[in-house]
């Protein structure tokens, strides 16, 4: 017997509303007054203000991950194919939307009580933006907002949060907030703060303590505020550890402060030691005791690991640690591993054989390790790390996917290499680009879809939607942009390198309007990696006996992982009725 949505229990209805994106919530609220308040509560509860729109699931998709419904996003213009909008125009649109939001809260003051969290990400210190945000803060003082986080340090310093007396999350920068009283504070995010005299007043109820990833800043704060005063944090559930490379004793002292039996979310940051000591990574891991309540873990390379050998050793030690931690943490549901590749890839030992070794580690060994747990696996920049293997990236570029889309846009990338150079700081000159340089730059931009803020941590990827971020094809993570030339590089004379330092006068055809098509081409390469995880990289063979749960002929294999995010490309993993596994690329579909 069918039932209407209104006949469902209120708790069930409210749970369903959590999966609706913001426009659907607005539409549903307009259909029935009984649904208006629940929809508005969901719509205003978590607000993120950022320049770029969230990624929306493709209408051709077979399944949806509902990732775009976790926040209500205030952004500029939507990215329409072939249409370029300047950043300052985006900012003007965001300011206009903020003014509408403030007006709505002023007219209907009941909405103020619905706002629980506000995140402001991706903005610098803009005067007009600062005024709007301060007005928003002032109007929220009569509500019960628990978190108002501004990612940029300079912008944060221009705002006054003192009127928000219901905050449960405090961000500490230069000034101590000893005057902010209240037992309701359960999370501290340490920005540029060095001395926090009031830590003891929060320690008893503190559930989350997050510090910067920078090694020196981290240990300066921990030494000065935590270890020196022997502060204990009995209720701590969420913590970040940046291991000390210089003083082993500091690591041991910190381990003694943490209440491991209550820890639920843990982020580990491991730096690079340029020596023959290959055991230091596993030594750090061995410091972590049993965490019976652990549900989420994030592992980050704190520095650049410059070649294949160093990365492979790091990965092997990490997988060994994950194996051990899973054996004592039965509630694990989330694993993130983030690498720190070279700025433009191109490992000195980036041979094809080494690429296959690491690919097998991540696509075959790691899934087997985590398969007894229903884990969401997130590898924020694995493709960026894989792009360091030039030999195989040449294969991806010239002999990769042959669909109509990739035929067109991989050929465009090939043309791009013929007209562009990158800046080599070692030689202080522009040099010819190769496939590794280009794919690393693209992978870096794909990673910008995901949360990068070190105080929000890599534990928070599922709390924020992926961002529809575009790239101009020239800015990159090195000090100088890629330089474009009208003629092909092979046509340049032997002594034409003096022209490299001249300003660009050629109008390049490669910009955001081309890049908007590139993620789909990259995802076709990533699809091949997912096929390896599913054991479907041999022709997608169906099981011979439909009554048996078999997969491509691999009897007894049943994948428990249901979600996989790699370099900003999101996959849902599932199985057919006969047990054959399949995957769904949620956003990047032609």
Protein backbone atom coordinates (compact mmCIF):
# COMPACT_ATOMS: atom_id res chain seq x y z
CA UNK A 1 0.00 0.00 0.00
CA UNK A 2 1.50 3.31 -1.13
CA UNK A 3 1.79 6.24 1.25
CA UNK A 4 2.29 9.91 0.50
CA UNK A 5 5.38 11.71 1.71
CA UNK A 6 3.31 13.63 4.29
CA UNK A 7 2.06 10.39 5.84
CA UNK A 8 5.57 9.26 6.74
CA UNK A 9 6.77 9.73 10.34
CA UNK A 10 8.37 13.15 10.92
CA UNK A 11 11.75 11.60 11.74
CA UNK A 12 11.72 9.67 8.44
CA UNK A 13 10.72 12.77 6.44
CA UNK A 14 13.47 14.85 8.00
CA UNK A 15 16.02 12.16 7.25
CA UNK A 16 14.97 12.09 3.58
CA UNK A 17 15.26 15.89 3.38
CA UNK A 18 18.98 15.62 4.21
CA UNK A 19 19.56 14.11 0.75
CA UNK A 20 17.94 16.95 -1.20
CA UNK A 21 20.16 19.62 -2.81
CA UNK A 22 19.37 23.24 -2.07
CA UNK A 23 17.17 24.01 -5.09
CA UNK A 24 15.06 20.91 -4.45
CA UNK A 25 14.60 21.98 -0.82
CA UNK A 26 13.37 25.38 -1.98
CA UNK A 27 10.98 23.80 -4.50
CA UNK A 28 9.60 21.36 -1.92
CA UNK A 29 9.15 24.12 0.69
CA UNK A 30 6.92 25.99 -1.77
CA UNK A 31 4.58 23.03 -2.30
CA UNK A 32 3.22 22.59 1.22
CA UNK A 33 3.29 24.70 4.38
CA UNK A 34 3.80 21.61 6.55
CA UNK A 35 7.08 21.01 4.72
CA UNK A 36 8.19 24.65 4.75
CA UNK A 37 9.84 24.70 8.18
CA UNK A 38 11.64 21.33 7.89
CA UNK A 39 12.99 22.35 4.47
CA UNK A 40 14.14 25.74 5.73
CA UNK A 41 15.83 24.14 8.74
CA UNK A 42 17.78 21.86 6.43
CA UNK A 43 18.53 24.66 3.94
CA UNK A 44 19.95 27.11 6.51
CA UNK A 45 21.64 24.67 8.90
CA UNK A 46 25.02 24.49 7.11
CA UNK A 47 26.03 27.36 4.82
CA UNK A 48 29.27 27.52 2.83
CA UNK A 49 30.29 30.73 1.06
CA UNK A 50 32.84 30.18 -1.74
CA UNK A 51 33.69 31.51 -5.23
CA UNK A 52 32.93 28.37 -7.26
CA UNK A 53 29.69 26.36 -7.50
CA UNK A 54 29.47 22.80 -6.20
CA UNK A 55 29.61 19.90 -8.62
CA UNK A 56 26.14 18.59 -9.43
CA UNK A 57 25.45 14.93 -10.34
CA UNK A 58 25.16 14.34 -14.08
CA UNK A 59 21.59 13.75 -15.24
CA UNK A 60 22.72 10.64 -17.14
CA UNK A 61 24.07 9.06 -13.98
CA UNK A 62 22.79 5.70 -12.81
CA UNK A 63 23.29 6.45 -9.10
CA UNK A 64 23.69 9.56 -6.95
CA UNK A 65 25.99 10.02 -3.96
CA UNK A 66 24.05 13.08 -2.61
CA UNK A 67 27.38 14.76 -1.91
CA UNK A 68 26.11 18.14 -3.14
CA UNK A 69 23.38 18.19 -0.48
CA UNK A 70 25.65 18.28 2.59
CA UNK A 71 25.95 22.11 2.49
CA UNK A 72 23.97 25.04 1.15
CA UNK A 73 26.51 26.85 -1.03
CA UNK A 74 26.50 30.59 -1.73
CA UNK A 75 28.65 31.06 -4.84
CA UNK A 76 29.07 33.29 -7.88
CA UNK A 77 27.98 32.28 -11.37
CA UNK A 78 27.57 28.69 -12.52
CA UNK A 79 30.28 27.55 -14.94
CA UNK A 80 28.60 27.31 -18.32
CA UNK A 81 30.54 25.59 -21.09
CA UNK A 82 32.34 28.12 -23.29
CA UNK A 83 31.49 31.13 -21.11
CA UNK A 84 34.25 32.87 -19.15
CA UNK A 85 33.51 35.12 -16.17
CA UNK A 86 36.17 37.23 -14.48
CA UNK A 87 36.87 36.61 -10.76
CA UNK A 88 35.80 40.13 -9.79
CA UNK A 89 32.41 39.55 -11.47
CA UNK A 90 32.03 36.32 -9.46
CA UNK A 91 32.79 38.29 -6.28
CA UNK A 92 30.18 40.94 -7.08
CA UNK A 93 27.57 38.23 -7.57
CA UNK A 94 28.51 36.57 -4.25
CA UNK A 95 28.24 39.90 -2.43
CA UNK A 96 24.81 40.45 -3.99
CA UNK A 97 23.71 36.98 -2.83
CA UNK A 98 25.05 37.65 0.67
CA UNK A 99 23.00 40.84 0.85
CA UNK A 100 19.89 38.87 -0.14
CA UNK A 101 20.70 36.30 2.57
CA UNK A 102 21.11 39.03 5.18
CA UNK A 103 17.84 40.63 4.07
CA UNK A 104 16.03 37.28 4.34
CA UNK A 105 17.35 36.77 7.88
CA UNK A 106 16.33 40.31 8.83
CA UNK A 107 12.77 39.95 7.54
CA UNK A 108 12.14 36.42 8.78
CA UNK A 109 14.06 36.29 12.06
CA UNK A 110 12.99 32.70 12.70
CA UNK A 111 15.49 31.66 10.02
CA UNK A 112 18.35 32.92 12.22
CA UNK A 113 17.75 30.11 14.70
CA UNK A 114 18.14 27.54 11.91
CA UNK A 115 21.75 28.54 11.09
CA UNK A 116 24.23 26.24 12.88
CA UNK A 117 27.41 26.43 10.79
CA UNK A 118 28.90 28.95 8.35
CA UNK A 119 32.12 28.36 6.40
CA UNK A 120 33.78 31.06 4.28
CA UNK A 121 36.36 29.50 1.96
CA UNK A 122 38.51 30.72 -0.92
CA UNK A 123 38.39 34.50 -0.31
CA UNK A 124 41.07 37.04 0.54
CA UNK A 125 40.68 40.32 2.40
CA UNK A 126 38.14 42.14 0.22
CA UNK A 127 36.70 45.33 1.76
CA UNK A 128 33.15 44.93 0.50
CA UNK A 129 33.18 41.20 1.30
CA UNK A 130 34.42 41.99 4.82
CA UNK A 131 31.54 44.42 5.39
CA UNK A 132 28.96 41.86 4.23
CA UNK A 133 30.41 39.09 6.39
CA UNK A 134 30.50 41.35 9.45
CA UNK A 135 26.87 42.27 8.86
CA UNK A 136 26.04 38.55 8.63
CA UNK A 137 27.91 37.87 11.88
CA UNK A 138 26.09 40.68 13.66
CA UNK A 139 22.67 39.46 12.59
CA UNK A 140 23.45 35.88 13.67
CA UNK A 141 24.27 36.95 17.24
CA UNK A 142 20.63 36.49 18.25
CA UNK A 143 20.65 32.88 17.03
CA UNK A 144 22.46 29.73 18.08
CA UNK A 145 25.25 29.45 15.50
CA UNK A 146 27.84 26.89 16.62
CA UNK A 147 30.59 27.47 14.07
CA UNK A 148 31.58 30.45 11.91
CA UNK A 149 34.81 29.55 10.15
CA UNK A 150 36.73 31.86 7.79
CA UNK A 151 39.56 30.09 5.99
CA UNK A 152 41.74 33.09 5.10
CA UNK A 153 43.88 34.39 7.99
CA UNK A 154 43.85 38.05 6.87
CA UNK A 155 40.10 38.09 6.26
CA UNK A 156 39.54 36.38 9.61
CA UNK A 157 41.54 39.11 11.33
CA UNK A 158 39.28 41.84 9.94
CA UNK A 159 36.13 40.32 11.43
CA UNK A 160 34.77 40.60 14.97
CA UNK A 161 33.22 37.36 16.26
CA UNK A 162 32.79 38.43 19.90
CA UNK A 163 28.99 38.77 19.57
CA UNK A 164 28.63 35.09 18.65
CA UNK A 165 28.31 33.79 22.20
CA UNK A 166 26.95 30.34 21.30
CA UNK A 167 29.99 29.15 19.33
CA UNK A 168 31.12 25.62 20.10
CA UNK A 169 34.12 25.98 17.73
CA UNK A 170 36.74 28.67 18.32
CA UNK A 171 39.48 29.69 15.87
CA UNK A 172 42.56 31.09 17.63
CA UNK A 173 44.97 33.40 15.84
CA UNK A 174 47.23 36.11 17.27
CA UNK A 175 45.05 37.02 20.23
CA UNK A 176 44.12 34.67 23.02
CA UNK A 177 40.38 34.30 23.64
CA UNK A 178 40.61 33.94 27.39
CA UNK A 179 37.66 36.28 27.79
CA UNK A 180 35.40 33.90 25.87
CA UNK A 181 33.74 31.83 28.59
CA UNK A 182 31.47 28.84 28.30
CA UNK A 183 31.47 25.11 28.83
CA UNK A 184 29.80 24.67 25.44
CA UNK A 185 33.10 25.10 23.53
CA UNK A 186 34.21 21.64 22.37
CA UNK A 187 36.49 22.38 19.40
CA UNK A 188 39.62 24.53 19.05
CA UNK A 189 41.17 25.32 15.67
CA UNK A 190 44.64 26.80 16.16
CA UNK A 191 45.54 29.29 13.43
CA UNK A 192 48.57 31.51 14.08
CA UNK A 193 48.20 31.42 17.86
CA UNK A 194 51.33 30.76 19.96
CA UNK A 195 50.28 31.36 23.56
CA UNK A 196 46.87 30.24 24.83
CA UNK A 197 46.62 30.95 28.53
CA UNK A 198 42.99 29.82 28.67
CA UNK A 199 43.49 26.27 27.37
CA UNK A 200 42.85 24.75 30.80
CA UNK A 201 39.32 26.20 30.92
CA UNK A 202 38.34 24.32 27.74
CA UNK A 203 40.39 21.14 28.26
CA UNK A 204 37.80 19.20 30.25
CA UNK A 205 35.08 19.45 27.57
CA UNK A 206 37.29 19.60 24.47
CA UNK A 207 36.38 17.01 21.81
CA UNK A 208 38.42 18.35 18.89
CA UNK A 209 41.85 20.01 18.75
CA UNK A 210 43.27 20.80 15.31
CA UNK A 211 46.59 22.55 14.68
CA UNK A 212 48.43 23.63 11.49
CA UNK A 213 50.32 21.10 9.36
CA UNK A 214 53.52 23.13 9.59
CA UNK A 215 56.02 21.19 11.72
CA UNK A 216 57.54 24.19 13.53
CA UNK A 217 54.21 25.95 14.24
CA UNK A 218 52.68 22.72 15.47
CA UNK A 219 55.40 21.88 17.98
CA UNK A 220 55.84 25.46 19.14
CA UNK A 221 52.18 25.50 20.19
CA UNK A 222 52.13 21.97 21.62
CA UNK A 223 55.29 22.59 23.66
CA UNK A 224 54.21 25.97 24.95
CA UNK A 225 50.58 25.18 25.76
CA UNK A 226 50.05 21.44 26.07
CA UNK A 227 53.21 19.67 27.25
CA UNK A 228 54.67 22.41 29.46
CA UNK A 229 51.50 22.70 31.55
CA UNK A 230 50.71 18.96 31.37
CA UNK A 231 47.19 19.62 30.12
CA UNK A 232 44.95 16.55 29.92
CA UNK A 233 42.10 16.25 27.43
CA UNK A 234 39.85 13.49 28.81
CA UNK A 235 37.04 13.79 26.21
CA UNK A 236 39.17 14.33 23.09
CA UNK A 237 37.73 12.58 20.02
CA UNK A 238 39.36 14.38 17.09
CA UNK A 239 43.07 15.22 16.86
CA UNK A 240 45.92 15.89 14.46
CA UNK A 241 49.49 14.68 15.01
CA UNK A 242 52.43 16.19 13.12
CA UNK A 243 55.29 13.88 14.02
CA UNK A 244 58.54 15.51 15.11
CA UNK A 245 61.47 14.52 12.90
CA UNK A 246 64.12 16.05 15.17
CA UNK A 247 63.11 15.14 18.73
CA UNK A 248 61.79 11.64 19.23
CA UNK A 249 61.08 12.30 22.89
CA UNK A 250 58.50 14.96 22.00
CA UNK A 251 56.48 12.38 20.08
CA UNK A 252 56.46 10.08 23.10
CA UNK A 253 55.39 12.89 25.44
CA UNK A 254 52.51 13.81 23.14
CA UNK A 255 51.34 10.20 22.92
CA UNK A 256 50.97 10.16 26.71
CA UNK A 257 48.62 13.18 26.65
CA UNK A 258 46.11 11.73 24.17
CA UNK A 259 43.19 9.66 25.54
CA UNK A 260 43.41 6.94 22.91
CA UNK A 261 40.34 5.03 24.07
CA UNK A 262 38.10 7.99 23.17
CA UNK A 263 39.72 8.99 19.84
CA UNK A 264 37.31 8.66 16.88
CA UNK A 265 38.99 10.76 14.17
CA UNK A 266 42.76 10.98 13.70
CA UNK A 267 44.97 12.79 11.19
CA UNK A 268 48.67 11.91 10.93
CA UNK A 269 51.17 14.18 9.16
CA UNK A 270 54.55 12.64 8.36
CA UNK A 271 57.43 14.74 7.05
CA UNK A 272 60.30 13.72 4.77
CA UNK A 273 63.72 12.83 6.15
CA UNK A 274 66.49 13.08 3.56
CA UNK A 275 68.63 10.20 4.79
CA UNK A 276 69.16 6.47 4.40
CA UNK A 277 66.88 5.86 7.37
CA UNK A 278 63.89 4.14 5.77
CA UNK A 279 62.37 2.94 9.04
CA UNK A 280 61.38 6.29 10.53
CA UNK A 281 57.89 6.19 8.97
CA UNK A 282 57.03 2.82 10.50
CA UNK A 283 58.58 3.98 13.79
CA UNK A 284 56.08 6.85 13.85
CA UNK A 285 53.21 4.49 13.09
CA UNK A 286 54.30 2.14 15.87
CA UNK A 287 53.73 4.96 18.38
CA UNK A 288 49.98 4.83 17.75
CA UNK A 289 48.34 2.49 20.29
CA UNK A 290 45.03 0.65 19.99
CA UNK A 291 42.11 3.00 19.19
CA UNK A 292 38.95 0.91 19.71
CA UNK A 293 36.54 3.76 18.81
CA UNK A 294 38.41 5.00 15.73
CA UNK A 295 36.09 5.62 12.76
CA UNK A 296 38.14 7.95 10.53
CA UNK A 297 41.82 8.24 9.77
CA UNK A 298 43.72 10.59 7.45
CA UNK A 299 47.39 10.17 6.53
CA UNK A 300 49.32 13.03 4.90
CA UNK A 301 52.83 13.41 3.56
CA UNK A 302 53.96 16.61 5.28
CA UNK A 303 56.76 17.27 2.78
CA UNK A 304 57.61 16.40 -0.81
CA UNK A 305 58.75 12.81 -1.26
CA UNK A 306 60.93 13.39 -4.34
CA UNK A 307 61.07 10.03 -6.13
CA UNK A 308 59.40 6.67 -6.67
CA UNK A 309 61.54 4.76 -4.18
CA UNK A 310 60.75 7.08 -1.26
CA UNK A 311 57.03 7.07 -2.09
CA UNK A 312 56.90 3.30 -2.42
CA UNK A 313 58.53 2.81 0.98
CA UNK A 314 56.09 5.31 2.49
CA UNK A 315 53.14 3.50 0.91
CA UNK A 316 54.28 0.04 2.07
CA UNK A 317 54.76 1.24 5.64
CA UNK A 318 51.39 3.01 5.52
CA UNK A 319 49.58 -0.10 4.28
CA UNK A 320 51.20 -2.15 7.03
CA UNK A 321 49.96 0.39 9.59
CA UNK A 322 46.44 0.38 8.11
CA UNK A 323 46.37 -3.42 8.34
CA UNK A 324 47.25 -3.24 12.03
CA UNK A 325 44.87 -0.41 12.87
CA UNK A 326 41.93 -2.13 11.15
CA UNK A 327 42.49 -5.26 13.22
CA UNK A 328 41.80 -3.29 16.42
CA UNK A 329 39.34 -0.65 15.14
CA UNK A 330 36.16 -2.47 14.06
CA UNK A 331 34.19 0.75 13.46
CA UNK A 332 36.45 2.25 10.76
CA UNK A 333 34.44 3.78 7.89
CA UNK A 334 36.78 6.40 6.36
CA UNK A 335 40.36 6.36 5.07
CA UNK A 336 42.20 9.22 3.35
CA UNK A 337 45.82 9.08 2.11
CA UNK A 338 47.28 12.28 0.66
CA UNK A 339 50.69 12.50 -1.01
CA UNK A 340 52.94 15.50 -1.54
CA UNK A 341 54.23 15.13 -5.12
CA UNK A 342 56.82 17.23 -6.90
CA UNK A 343 55.38 20.55 -8.08
CA UNK A 344 55.38 19.43 -11.73
CA UNK A 345 55.89 15.70 -11.33
CA UNK A 346 58.49 13.98 -13.51
CA UNK A 347 60.11 11.60 -11.00
CA UNK A 348 63.81 10.97 -11.78
CA UNK A 349 63.00 7.25 -11.52
CA UNK A 350 59.60 7.49 -13.19
CA UNK A 351 59.95 4.42 -15.38
CA UNK A 352 56.91 2.48 -16.54
CA UNK A 353 57.77 -0.55 -14.40
CA UNK A 354 57.83 1.57 -11.25
CA UNK A 355 54.44 3.02 -12.19
CA UNK A 356 52.93 -0.45 -12.43
CA UNK A 357 54.37 -1.39 -9.04
CA UNK A 358 52.66 1.54 -7.31
CA UNK A 359 49.43 1.13 -9.26
CA UNK A 360 49.20 -2.48 -8.11
CA UNK A 361 49.73 -1.36 -4.51
CA UNK A 362 46.77 1.05 -4.60
CA UNK A 363 44.41 -0.78 -6.94
CA UNK A 364 44.90 -4.36 -5.73
CA UNK A 365 46.71 -4.53 -2.39
CA UNK A 366 44.95 -1.64 -0.59
CA UNK A 367 41.38 -2.75 -1.51
CA UNK A 368 42.15 -6.21 -0.13
CA UNK A 369 43.46 -4.71 3.12
CA UNK A 370 40.31 -2.66 3.75
CA UNK A 371 37.77 -5.07 2.26
CA UNK A 372 36.56 -6.47 5.59
CA UNK A 373 35.36 -2.98 6.52
CA UNK A 374 32.77 -0.87 4.71
CA UNK A 375 35.19 2.01 4.15
CA UNK A 376 34.96 5.19 2.09
CA UNK A 377 38.38 5.41 0.42
CA UNK A 378 39.66 8.88 -0.47
CA UNK A 379 42.93 9.44 -2.34
CA UNK A 380 42.91 13.24 -2.90
CA UNK A 381 45.91 13.40 -5.21
CA UNK A 382 46.83 9.86 -6.23
CA UNK A 383 46.64 10.78 -9.92
CA UNK A 384 48.93 13.73 -9.21
CA UNK A 385 51.44 11.28 -7.75
CA UNK A 386 50.97 8.83 -10.64
CA UNK A 387 51.51 11.68 -13.12
CA UNK A 388 55.15 11.77 -11.99
CA UNK A 389 55.83 8.69 -14.14
CA UNK A 390 56.57 10.24 -17.54
CA UNK A 391 56.81 7.03 -19.54
CA UNK A 392 53.29 5.93 -18.69
CA UNK A 393 51.84 9.44 -18.98
CA UNK A 394 53.09 9.47 -22.58
CA UNK A 395 51.03 6.31 -23.12
CA UNK A 396 47.95 7.93 -21.55
CA UNK A 397 48.32 11.00 -23.78
CA UNK A 398 49.11 9.33 -27.11
CA UNK A 399 47.59 5.88 -26.79
CA UNK A 400 44.96 6.25 -24.08
CA UNK A 401 41.18 6.30 -24.32
CA UNK A 402 39.89 6.33 -27.93
CA UNK A 403 36.35 7.57 -27.38
CA UNK A 404 35.21 10.59 -29.41
CA UNK A 405 35.62 12.93 -26.44
CA UNK A 406 39.17 11.82 -25.62
CA UNK A 407 40.20 11.73 -29.28
CA UNK A 408 39.41 15.43 -29.43
CA UNK A 409 40.69 16.67 -26.08
CA UNK A 410 43.75 14.44 -25.61
CA UNK A 411 44.82 15.69 -29.03
CA UNK A 412 44.34 19.25 -27.77
CA UNK A 413 46.61 18.46 -24.81
CA UNK A 414 49.19 17.15 -27.25
CA UNK A 415 48.95 20.43 -29.17
CA UNK A 416 49.32 22.30 -25.88
CA UNK A 417 52.70 20.67 -25.25
CA UNK A 418 53.91 21.84 -28.65
CA UNK A 419 53.31 25.49 -27.76
CA UNK A 420 54.15 25.79 -24.05
CA UNK A 421 57.13 25.77 -21.72
CA UNK A 422 57.43 25.52 -17.94
CA UNK A 423 59.79 27.44 -15.67
CA UNK A 424 62.69 25.41 -14.29
CA UNK A 425 63.92 27.13 -11.13
CA UNK A 426 67.11 25.07 -10.98
CA UNK A 427 68.31 26.45 -14.31
CA UNK A 428 66.38 29.76 -14.09
CA UNK A 429 64.98 29.23 -17.57
CA UNK A 430 61.91 28.01 -19.42
CA UNK A 431 62.12 24.43 -20.66
CA UNK A 432 60.00 22.24 -22.94
CA UNK A 433 57.09 20.56 -21.20
CA UNK A 434 56.43 16.84 -21.23
CA UNK A 435 53.31 14.79 -20.48
CA UNK A 436 54.28 14.37 -16.83
CA UNK A 437 54.45 18.14 -16.29
CA UNK A 438 51.06 18.72 -17.90
CA UNK A 439 49.19 15.86 -16.24
CA UNK A 440 50.63 16.80 -12.84
CA UNK A 441 49.36 20.37 -13.31
CA UNK A 442 45.91 19.08 -14.35
CA UNK A 443 45.82 16.67 -11.40
CA UNK A 444 46.72 19.53 -9.05
CA UNK A 445 43.74 21.49 -10.36
CA UNK A 446 41.43 18.50 -9.97
CA UNK A 447 42.55 18.27 -6.36
CA UNK A 448 41.30 21.86 -5.90
CA UNK A 449 37.79 20.44 -6.11
CA UNK A 450 38.34 19.03 -2.62
CA UNK A 451 38.82 20.55 0.84
CA UNK A 452 42.40 21.82 1.20
CA UNK A 453 42.11 23.85 4.42
CA UNK A 454 44.50 22.36 6.99
CA UNK A 455 42.25 23.33 9.91
CA UNK A 456 39.26 21.59 8.35
CA UNK A 457 41.56 18.59 7.74
CA UNK A 458 41.39 15.78 5.21
CA UNK A 459 38.90 14.11 7.54
CA UNK A 460 36.19 16.49 6.28
CA UNK A 461 35.87 15.58 2.59
CA UNK A 462 32.39 14.14 3.03
CA UNK A 463 31.22 17.22 4.98
CA UNK A 464 31.64 19.53 1.97
CA UNK A 465 30.54 19.10 -1.66
CA UNK A 466 33.10 18.83 -4.43
CA UNK A 467 33.72 22.18 -6.12
CA UNK A 468 33.35 22.86 -9.84
CA UNK A 469 36.76 24.51 -10.16
CA UNK A 470 38.10 25.67 -13.55
CA UNK A 471 41.70 26.33 -14.65
CA UNK A 472 43.18 28.89 -17.03
CA UNK A 473 45.79 26.35 -18.30
CA UNK A 474 48.72 28.58 -17.34
CA UNK A 475 48.83 29.29 -13.59
CA UNK A 476 50.40 26.45 -11.62
CA UNK A 477 52.04 25.57 -8.31
CA UNK A 478 55.45 26.94 -9.37
CA UNK A 479 56.55 30.62 -9.12
CA UNK A 480 55.89 31.34 -12.81
CA UNK A 481 53.02 30.55 -15.17
CA UNK A 482 53.41 28.28 -18.16
CA UNK A 483 54.57 30.34 -21.12
CA UNK A 484 52.84 30.02 -24.49
CA UNK A 485 54.29 30.56 -27.98
CA UNK A 486 52.55 31.13 -31.27
CA UNK A 487 54.93 28.90 -33.23
CA UNK A 488 55.63 25.29 -32.33
CA UNK A 489 58.61 24.79 -30.05
CA UNK A 490 60.35 22.55 -32.59
CA UNK A 491 60.37 25.51 -35.01
CA UNK A 492 62.27 27.74 -32.60
CA UNK A 493 65.89 28.50 -33.35
CA UNK A 494 68.80 27.34 -31.22
CA UNK A 495 69.30 30.80 -29.73
CA UNK A 496 65.64 31.79 -29.29
CA UNK A 497 65.65 31.05 -25.55
CA UNK A 498 66.28 34.74 -24.84
CA UNK A 499 62.66 35.33 -25.88
CA UNK A 500 61.43 33.11 -23.05
CA UNK A 501 61.64 35.89 -20.48
CA UNK A 502 59.71 38.36 -22.64
CA UNK A 503 56.05 38.98 -21.70
CA UNK A 504 53.42 36.90 -23.50
CA UNK A 505 51.89 38.70 -26.47
CA UNK A 506 50.30 35.66 -28.09
CA UNK A 507 46.65 35.09 -27.20
CA UNK A 508 46.47 31.44 -26.22
CA UNK A 509 43.44 29.35 -27.20
CA UNK A 510 43.79 27.28 -24.03
CA UNK A 511 41.74 28.65 -21.14
CA UNK A 512 38.84 27.69 -18.87
CA UNK A 513 36.57 27.04 -21.86
CA UNK A 514 38.85 24.16 -22.91
CA UNK A 515 39.60 22.92 -19.40
CA UNK A 516 35.91 22.40 -18.63
CA UNK A 517 36.10 19.31 -20.90
CA UNK A 518 39.38 17.92 -19.53
CA UNK A 519 38.12 16.29 -16.27
CA UNK A 520 35.98 13.88 -18.32
CA UNK A 521 39.03 12.82 -20.35
CA UNK A 522 41.07 12.31 -17.17
CA UNK A 523 38.23 10.36 -15.57
CA UNK A 524 38.37 7.88 -18.46
CA UNK A 525 41.93 7.06 -17.39
CA UNK A 526 40.80 6.85 -13.75
CA UNK A 527 37.96 4.53 -14.79
CA UNK A 528 40.62 1.99 -15.71
CA UNK A 529 42.02 2.16 -12.18
CA UNK A 530 38.56 1.55 -10.73
CA UNK A 531 38.13 -1.48 -13.00
CA UNK A 532 41.22 -2.97 -11.38
CA UNK A 533 39.72 -2.51 -7.92
CA UNK A 534 36.57 -4.31 -9.08
CA UNK A 535 38.45 -7.09 -10.93
CA UNK A 536 36.67 -6.00 -14.11
CA UNK A 537 39.70 -5.07 -16.18
CA UNK A 538 39.41 -8.20 -18.32
CA UNK A 539 36.47 -7.44 -20.55
CA UNK A 540 33.73 -6.97 -17.95
CA UNK A 541 32.87 -10.69 -18.02
CA UNK A 542 29.59 -11.65 -16.34
CA UNK A 543 29.34 -14.59 -13.97
CA UNK A 544 28.57 -17.86 -15.75
CA UNK A 545 26.09 -18.92 -13.09
CA UNK A 546 23.71 -16.06 -12.28
CA UNK A 547 22.77 -17.66 -8.99
CA UNK A 548 26.30 -17.37 -7.65
CA UNK A 549 27.84 -14.17 -6.37
CA UNK A 550 30.81 -14.10 -8.68
CA UNK A 551 32.58 -11.23 -10.30
CA UNK A 552 34.26 -11.46 -13.67
CA UNK A 553 35.10 -15.08 -12.94
CA UNK A 554 36.62 -14.36 -9.49
CA UNK A 555 34.55 -16.59 -7.22
CA UNK A 556 34.46 -15.57 -3.58
CA UNK A 557 35.30 -11.90 -4.21
CA UNK A 558 32.82 -9.42 -2.75
CA UNK A 559 33.80 -5.76 -2.48
CA UNK A 560 32.56 -3.94 0.62
CA UNK A 561 33.79 -0.49 -0.41
CA UNK A 562 30.89 1.64 -1.63
CA UNK A 563 32.48 5.02 -2.32
CA UNK A 564 35.84 5.99 -3.80
CA UNK A 565 37.10 9.54 -4.45
CA UNK A 566 40.37 9.98 -6.33
CA UNK A 567 41.70 13.42 -7.25
CA UNK A 568 38.27 15.05 -7.08
CA UNK A 569 36.58 12.38 -9.22
CA UNK A 570 33.86 10.55 -7.28
CA UNK A 571 32.79 6.94 -7.80
CA UNK A 572 29.99 4.81 -6.38
CA UNK A 573 30.80 1.09 -6.31
CA UNK A 574 28.00 -1.47 -6.25
CA UNK A 575 27.00 -4.85 -7.67
CA UNK A 576 24.36 -6.26 -9.98
CA UNK A 577 21.78 -8.88 -8.95
CA UNK A 578 24.10 -11.66 -10.09
CA UNK A 579 26.96 -10.25 -8.02
CA UNK A 580 28.98 -8.66 -10.83
CA UNK A 581 30.36 -5.38 -9.57
CA UNK A 582 29.92 -2.09 -11.37
CA UNK A 583 30.98 1.51 -10.80
CA UNK A 584 29.34 4.86 -11.42
CA UNK A 585 31.28 8.05 -12.12
CA UNK A 586 28.89 10.52 -10.48
CA UNK A 587 29.93 13.87 -11.96
CA UNK A 588 32.33 13.54 -14.91
CA UNK A 589 30.19 12.04 -17.65
CA UNK A 590 30.03 13.11 -21.29
